[in-house]
Each structure stands twice: as C-alpha cells, then as structure tokens.
Amino acid sequence: MALRGQKRLAWRTLSSPLKSERPHLGEAVRFFRGYAGLTQEEVADKGDVHVTWISHVERGKVNPTYGTMEKIAMGIGVSHDHILDLAAALAEIPKR
C-alpha cells in the first residue's frame, strides 16, 4: 500500500502544470507506444480514450488524470507504473 501511495505522489509531481517534467510523461508514453508498435488510434481504441488526448499527452500539452493515464497504459499494454518510472528517469537527465 505504501508503494502505491508513493506512485500517486510521483504522479502528482509529474502531472503538476508548474513542473517541467510534464513533457517527460509524454515522451514515456510515446516510447512505450512506439515500442509496442501501436498507433495513437490503436491505443485510444484499446484504452477507451479519445485519440486527441493521446496526442496532447505525448506533446506535453495536457495533464492527464491518474485514471486517464491508467487507460492510456492499458491501451499500450503496460503498467502505468512503467510509464511513471520512465518519465521520472527522463526528468533526472540534465539538459545540455
């Protein structure tokens, strides 16, 4: 239970509109989607999310809710924890 609470805390940090990590969430979604060989439309259909949301998330234009992120992850076929972990790792890489 404590781990789930940590993931939610990490989610709040990543989904905050004031944080620069928001684009990293989109990069992580795009990475896993591409690795799975899926189009945005396929992810949208499988996850029951509008394709526009997938596009906006990948471009860092919106802050998806935890529930929407779970649907996107389900559409890709990965755990939302994997997406959060990759986004957090990407946020740690220093910019040049």
N, C-alpha and C. Protein backbone atom coordinates (compact mmCIF):
# COMPACT_ATOMS: atom_id res chain seq x y z
N MET A 1 0.82 -1.20 0.00
CA MET A 1 0.00 0.00 0.00
C MET A 1 0.86 1.26 0.00
N ALA A 2 1.98 1.20 0.71
CA ALA A 2 2.84 2.37 0.76
C ALA A 2 3.41 2.69 -0.61
N LEU A 3 3.75 1.65 -1.38
CA LEU A 3 4.30 1.88 -2.71
C LEU A 3 3.29 2.58 -3.60
N ARG A 4 2.03 2.16 -3.51
CA ARG A 4 1.01 2.81 -4.33
C ARG A 4 0.89 4.29 -3.96
N GLY A 5 1.00 4.60 -2.69
CA GLY A 5 0.97 5.98 -2.24
C GLY A 5 2.14 6.78 -2.80
N GLN A 6 3.31 6.14 -2.87
CA GLN A 6 4.49 6.79 -3.44
C GLN A 6 4.28 7.06 -4.92
N LYS A 7 3.66 6.10 -5.62
CA LYS A 7 3.40 6.29 -7.04
C LYS A 7 2.43 7.44 -7.26
N ARG A 8 1.41 7.53 -6.42
CA ARG A 8 0.46 8.64 -6.54
C ARG A 8 1.15 9.97 -6.27
N LEU A 9 2.07 9.99 -5.29
CA LEU A 9 2.82 11.22 -5.01
C LEU A 9 3.68 11.58 -6.21
N ALA A 10 4.34 10.57 -6.80
CA ALA A 10 5.14 10.82 -8.00
C ALA A 10 4.26 11.31 -9.13
N TRP A 11 3.05 10.75 -9.23
CA TRP A 11 2.12 11.17 -10.28
C TRP A 11 1.75 12.63 -10.11
N ARG A 12 1.45 13.04 -8.87
CA ARG A 12 1.09 14.43 -8.63
C ARG A 12 2.24 15.36 -9.02
N THR A 13 3.46 14.94 -8.73
CA THR A 13 4.62 15.75 -9.07
C THR A 13 4.75 15.87 -10.58
N LEU A 14 4.61 14.76 -11.30
CA LEU A 14 4.76 14.77 -12.75
C LEU A 14 3.61 15.47 -13.45
N SER A 15 2.42 15.42 -12.87
CA SER A 15 1.27 15.99 -13.57
C SER A 15 1.00 17.44 -13.21
N SER A 16 1.82 18.00 -12.35
CA SER A 16 1.63 19.39 -11.96
C SER A 16 1.90 20.31 -13.15
N PRO A 17 0.99 21.25 -13.43
CA PRO A 17 1.21 22.15 -14.56
C PRO A 17 2.40 23.08 -14.36
N LEU A 18 2.89 23.19 -13.14
CA LEU A 18 4.00 24.08 -12.87
C LEU A 18 5.35 23.38 -12.99
N LYS A 19 5.34 22.09 -13.22
CA LYS A 19 6.58 21.33 -13.28
C LYS A 19 7.04 21.15 -14.72
N SER A 20 8.34 21.14 -14.90
CA SER A 20 8.89 20.96 -16.24
C SER A 20 8.92 19.50 -16.66
N GLU A 21 8.54 18.58 -15.77
CA GLU A 21 8.58 17.16 -16.08
C GLU A 21 7.41 16.73 -16.96
N ARG A 22 6.39 17.56 -17.12
CA ARG A 22 5.21 17.17 -17.89
C ARG A 22 5.57 16.63 -19.28
N PRO A 23 6.49 17.25 -20.02
CA PRO A 23 6.83 16.69 -21.33
C PRO A 23 7.44 15.29 -21.23
N HIS A 24 8.08 14.98 -20.12
CA HIS A 24 8.69 13.66 -19.96
C HIS A 24 7.63 12.56 -19.89
N LEU A 25 6.49 12.88 -19.35
CA LEU A 25 5.40 11.92 -19.32
C LEU A 25 4.99 11.58 -20.75
N GLY A 26 4.88 12.59 -21.58
CA GLY A 26 4.55 12.37 -22.99
C GLY A 26 5.61 11.57 -23.71
N GLU A 27 6.88 11.86 -23.41
CA GLU A 27 7.98 11.10 -24.03
C GLU A 27 7.90 9.63 -23.64
N ALA A 28 7.55 9.37 -22.39
CA ALA A 28 7.45 7.98 -21.92
C ALA A 28 6.28 7.27 -22.61
N VAL A 29 5.15 7.95 -22.73
CA VAL A 29 4.00 7.36 -23.42
C VAL A 29 4.37 7.06 -24.87
N ARG A 30 5.00 8.01 -25.54
CA ARG A 30 5.39 7.82 -26.94
C ARG A 30 6.38 6.67 -27.09
N PHE A 31 7.33 6.57 -26.14
CA PHE A 31 8.31 5.48 -26.19
C PHE A 31 7.63 4.12 -26.12
N PHE A 32 6.78 3.94 -25.11
CA PHE A 32 6.13 2.63 -24.94
C PHE A 32 5.16 2.33 -26.08
N ARG A 33 4.48 3.35 -26.57
CA ARG A 33 3.57 3.14 -27.70
C ARG A 33 4.34 2.70 -28.93
N GLY A 34 5.45 3.38 -29.20
CA GLY A 34 6.29 3.03 -30.34
C GLY A 34 6.90 1.65 -30.19
N TYR A 35 7.34 1.32 -28.99
CA TYR A 35 7.95 0.02 -28.73
C TYR A 35 6.93 -1.10 -28.96
N ALA A 36 5.68 -0.82 -28.62
CA ALA A 36 4.61 -1.80 -28.82
C ALA A 36 4.15 -1.84 -30.28
N GLY A 37 4.60 -0.88 -31.08
CA GLY A 37 4.22 -0.84 -32.48
C GLY A 37 2.79 -0.43 -32.71
N LEU A 38 2.28 0.44 -31.84
CA LEU A 38 0.89 0.87 -31.92
C LEU A 38 0.78 2.31 -32.41
N THR A 39 -0.31 2.59 -33.10
CA THR A 39 -0.61 3.97 -33.47
C THR A 39 -1.38 4.63 -32.33
N GLN A 40 -1.48 5.94 -32.39
CA GLN A 40 -2.28 6.64 -31.38
C GLN A 40 -3.72 6.18 -31.42
N GLU A 41 -4.24 5.92 -32.61
CA GLU A 41 -5.62 5.47 -32.75
C GLU A 41 -5.84 4.10 -32.09
N GLU A 42 -4.87 3.21 -32.25
CA GLU A 42 -4.99 1.88 -31.63
C GLU A 42 -4.97 1.97 -30.11
N VAL A 43 -4.11 2.80 -29.59
CA VAL A 43 -4.05 3.00 -28.14
C VAL A 43 -5.36 3.60 -27.64
N ALA A 44 -5.87 4.58 -28.38
CA ALA A 44 -7.12 5.22 -27.99
C ALA A 44 -8.27 4.20 -27.96
N ASP A 45 -8.35 3.36 -28.98
CA ASP A 45 -9.41 2.35 -29.04
C ASP A 45 -9.30 1.34 -27.91
N LYS A 46 -8.09 0.85 -27.69
CA LYS A 46 -7.88 -0.17 -26.65
C LYS A 46 -8.05 0.39 -25.24
N GLY A 47 -7.70 1.66 -25.05
CA GLY A 47 -7.78 2.27 -23.73
C GLY A 47 -9.05 3.06 -23.48
N ASP A 48 -9.92 3.14 -24.49
CA ASP A 48 -11.16 3.89 -24.37
C ASP A 48 -10.90 5.36 -24.00
N VAL A 49 -9.96 5.96 -24.74
CA VAL A 49 -9.59 7.36 -24.57
C VAL A 49 -9.63 7.99 -25.95
N HIS A 50 -10.03 9.23 -26.05
CA HIS A 50 -10.07 9.90 -27.35
C HIS A 50 -8.65 10.07 -27.87
N VAL A 51 -8.47 9.88 -29.16
CA VAL A 51 -7.15 9.96 -29.77
C VAL A 51 -6.50 11.32 -29.57
N THR A 52 -7.30 12.36 -29.47
CA THR A 52 -6.76 13.69 -29.24
C THR A 52 -6.02 13.76 -27.91
N TRP A 53 -6.54 13.06 -26.90
CA TRP A 53 -5.88 13.03 -25.59
C TRP A 53 -4.51 12.39 -25.70
N ILE A 54 -4.41 11.30 -26.46
CA ILE A 54 -3.12 10.63 -26.62
C ILE A 54 -2.12 11.63 -27.23
N SER A 55 -2.56 12.32 -28.26
CA SER A 55 -1.71 13.30 -28.92
C SER A 55 -1.29 14.41 -27.97
N HIS A 56 -2.24 14.94 -27.23
CA HIS A 56 -1.94 16.03 -26.29
C HIS A 56 -1.00 15.58 -25.18
N VAL A 57 -1.19 14.38 -24.68
CA VAL A 57 -0.31 13.86 -23.63
C VAL A 57 1.11 13.71 -24.18
N GLU A 58 1.23 13.11 -25.36
CA GLU A 58 2.56 12.90 -25.93
C GLU A 58 3.29 14.20 -26.21
N ARG A 59 2.56 15.26 -26.51
CA ARG A 59 3.18 16.56 -26.78
C ARG A 59 3.32 17.41 -25.53
N GLY A 60 2.89 16.90 -24.38
CA GLY A 60 3.03 17.64 -23.12
C GLY A 60 2.08 18.82 -23.00
N LYS A 61 0.95 18.75 -23.70
CA LYS A 61 0.01 19.86 -23.71
C LYS A 61 -1.05 19.78 -22.60
N VAL A 62 -1.26 18.60 -22.04
CA VAL A 62 -2.29 18.42 -21.02
C VAL A 62 -1.73 17.64 -19.84
N ASN A 63 -2.42 17.75 -18.73
CA ASN A 63 -2.11 16.98 -17.54
C ASN A 63 -3.19 15.93 -17.36
N PRO A 64 -2.95 14.70 -17.82
CA PRO A 64 -4.00 13.68 -17.70
C PRO A 64 -4.22 13.30 -16.24
N THR A 65 -5.44 12.92 -15.92
CA THR A 65 -5.72 12.43 -14.58
C THR A 65 -5.09 11.05 -14.40
N TYR A 66 -5.03 10.62 -13.17
CA TYR A 66 -4.48 9.30 -12.87
C TYR A 66 -5.30 8.24 -13.60
N GLY A 67 -6.61 8.38 -13.62
CA GLY A 67 -7.48 7.41 -14.30
C GLY A 67 -7.25 7.39 -15.80
N THR A 68 -7.08 8.56 -16.40
CA THR A 68 -6.80 8.62 -17.83
C THR A 68 -5.45 7.99 -18.15
N MET A 69 -4.48 8.23 -17.28
CA MET A 69 -3.17 7.63 -17.51
C MET A 69 -3.24 6.11 -17.41
N GLU A 70 -4.05 5.60 -16.51
CA GLU A 70 -4.24 4.15 -16.41
C GLU A 70 -4.87 3.60 -17.69
N LYS A 71 -5.83 4.33 -18.27
CA LYS A 71 -6.45 3.90 -19.52
C LYS A 71 -5.45 3.90 -20.67
N ILE A 72 -4.62 4.93 -20.74
CA ILE A 72 -3.61 5.00 -21.79
C ILE A 72 -2.63 3.84 -21.65
N ALA A 73 -2.19 3.59 -20.43
CA ALA A 73 -1.27 2.47 -20.19
C ALA A 73 -1.92 1.14 -20.58
N MET A 74 -3.19 0.98 -20.25
CA MET A 74 -3.90 -0.24 -20.62
C MET A 74 -3.97 -0.37 -22.15
N GLY A 75 -4.19 0.74 -22.83
CA GLY A 75 -4.23 0.73 -24.29
C GLY A 75 -2.90 0.34 -24.91
N ILE A 76 -1.82 0.70 -24.25
CA ILE A 76 -0.49 0.34 -24.73
C ILE A 76 -0.14 -1.10 -24.34
N GLY A 77 -0.68 -1.53 -23.20
CA GLY A 77 -0.39 -2.88 -22.72
C GLY A 77 0.75 -2.91 -21.72
N VAL A 78 0.96 -1.79 -21.02
CA VAL A 78 1.98 -1.73 -19.98
C VAL A 78 1.36 -1.19 -18.70
N SER A 79 2.06 -1.35 -17.61
CA SER A 79 1.61 -0.79 -16.35
C SER A 79 1.85 0.72 -16.35
N HIS A 80 0.94 1.46 -15.76
CA HIS A 80 1.16 2.91 -15.66
C HIS A 80 2.39 3.20 -14.82
N ASP A 81 2.76 2.27 -13.94
CA ASP A 81 3.97 2.44 -13.14
C ASP A 81 5.21 2.49 -14.03
N HIS A 82 5.23 1.70 -15.11
CA HIS A 82 6.36 1.72 -16.03
C HIS A 82 6.47 3.08 -16.70
N ILE A 83 5.33 3.64 -17.08
CA ILE A 83 5.33 4.95 -17.72
C ILE A 83 5.82 6.02 -16.74
N LEU A 84 5.33 5.97 -15.51
CA LEU A 84 5.76 6.93 -14.50
C LEU A 84 7.25 6.81 -14.19
N ASP A 85 7.73 5.57 -14.10
CA ASP A 85 9.15 5.35 -13.81
C ASP A 85 10.03 5.90 -14.91
N LEU A 86 9.66 5.66 -16.17
CA LEU A 86 10.46 6.19 -17.28
C LEU A 86 10.39 7.71 -17.30
N ALA A 87 9.22 8.28 -17.07
CA ALA A 87 9.09 9.75 -17.06
C ALA A 87 9.95 10.36 -15.96
N ALA A 88 9.97 9.72 -14.80
CA ALA A 88 10.79 10.23 -13.69
C ALA A 88 12.28 10.12 -14.04
N ALA A 89 12.66 9.02 -14.69
CA ALA A 89 14.07 8.85 -15.08
C ALA A 89 14.45 9.89 -16.13
N LEU A 90 13.59 10.17 -17.07
CA LEU A 90 13.87 11.18 -18.09
C LEU A 90 14.01 12.57 -17.47
N ALA A 91 13.22 12.82 -16.43
CA ALA A 91 13.28 14.13 -15.77
C ALA A 91 14.60 14.33 -15.04
N GLU A 92 15.28 13.24 -14.69
CA GLU A 92 16.54 13.32 -13.97
C GLU A 92 17.74 13.59 -14.88
N ILE A 93 17.56 13.40 -16.18
CA ILE A 93 18.66 13.61 -17.11
C ILE A 93 18.89 15.11 -17.26
N PRO A 94 20.10 15.56 -16.98
CA PRO A 94 20.35 17.01 -17.09
C PRO A 94 20.30 17.48 -18.54
N LYS A 95 19.77 18.68 -18.74
CA LYS A 95 19.74 19.27 -20.07
C LYS A 95 21.09 19.87 -20.39
N ARG A 96 21.43 19.85 -21.65
CA ARG A 96 22.73 20.42 -22.08
C ARG A 96 22.60 21.87 -22.40
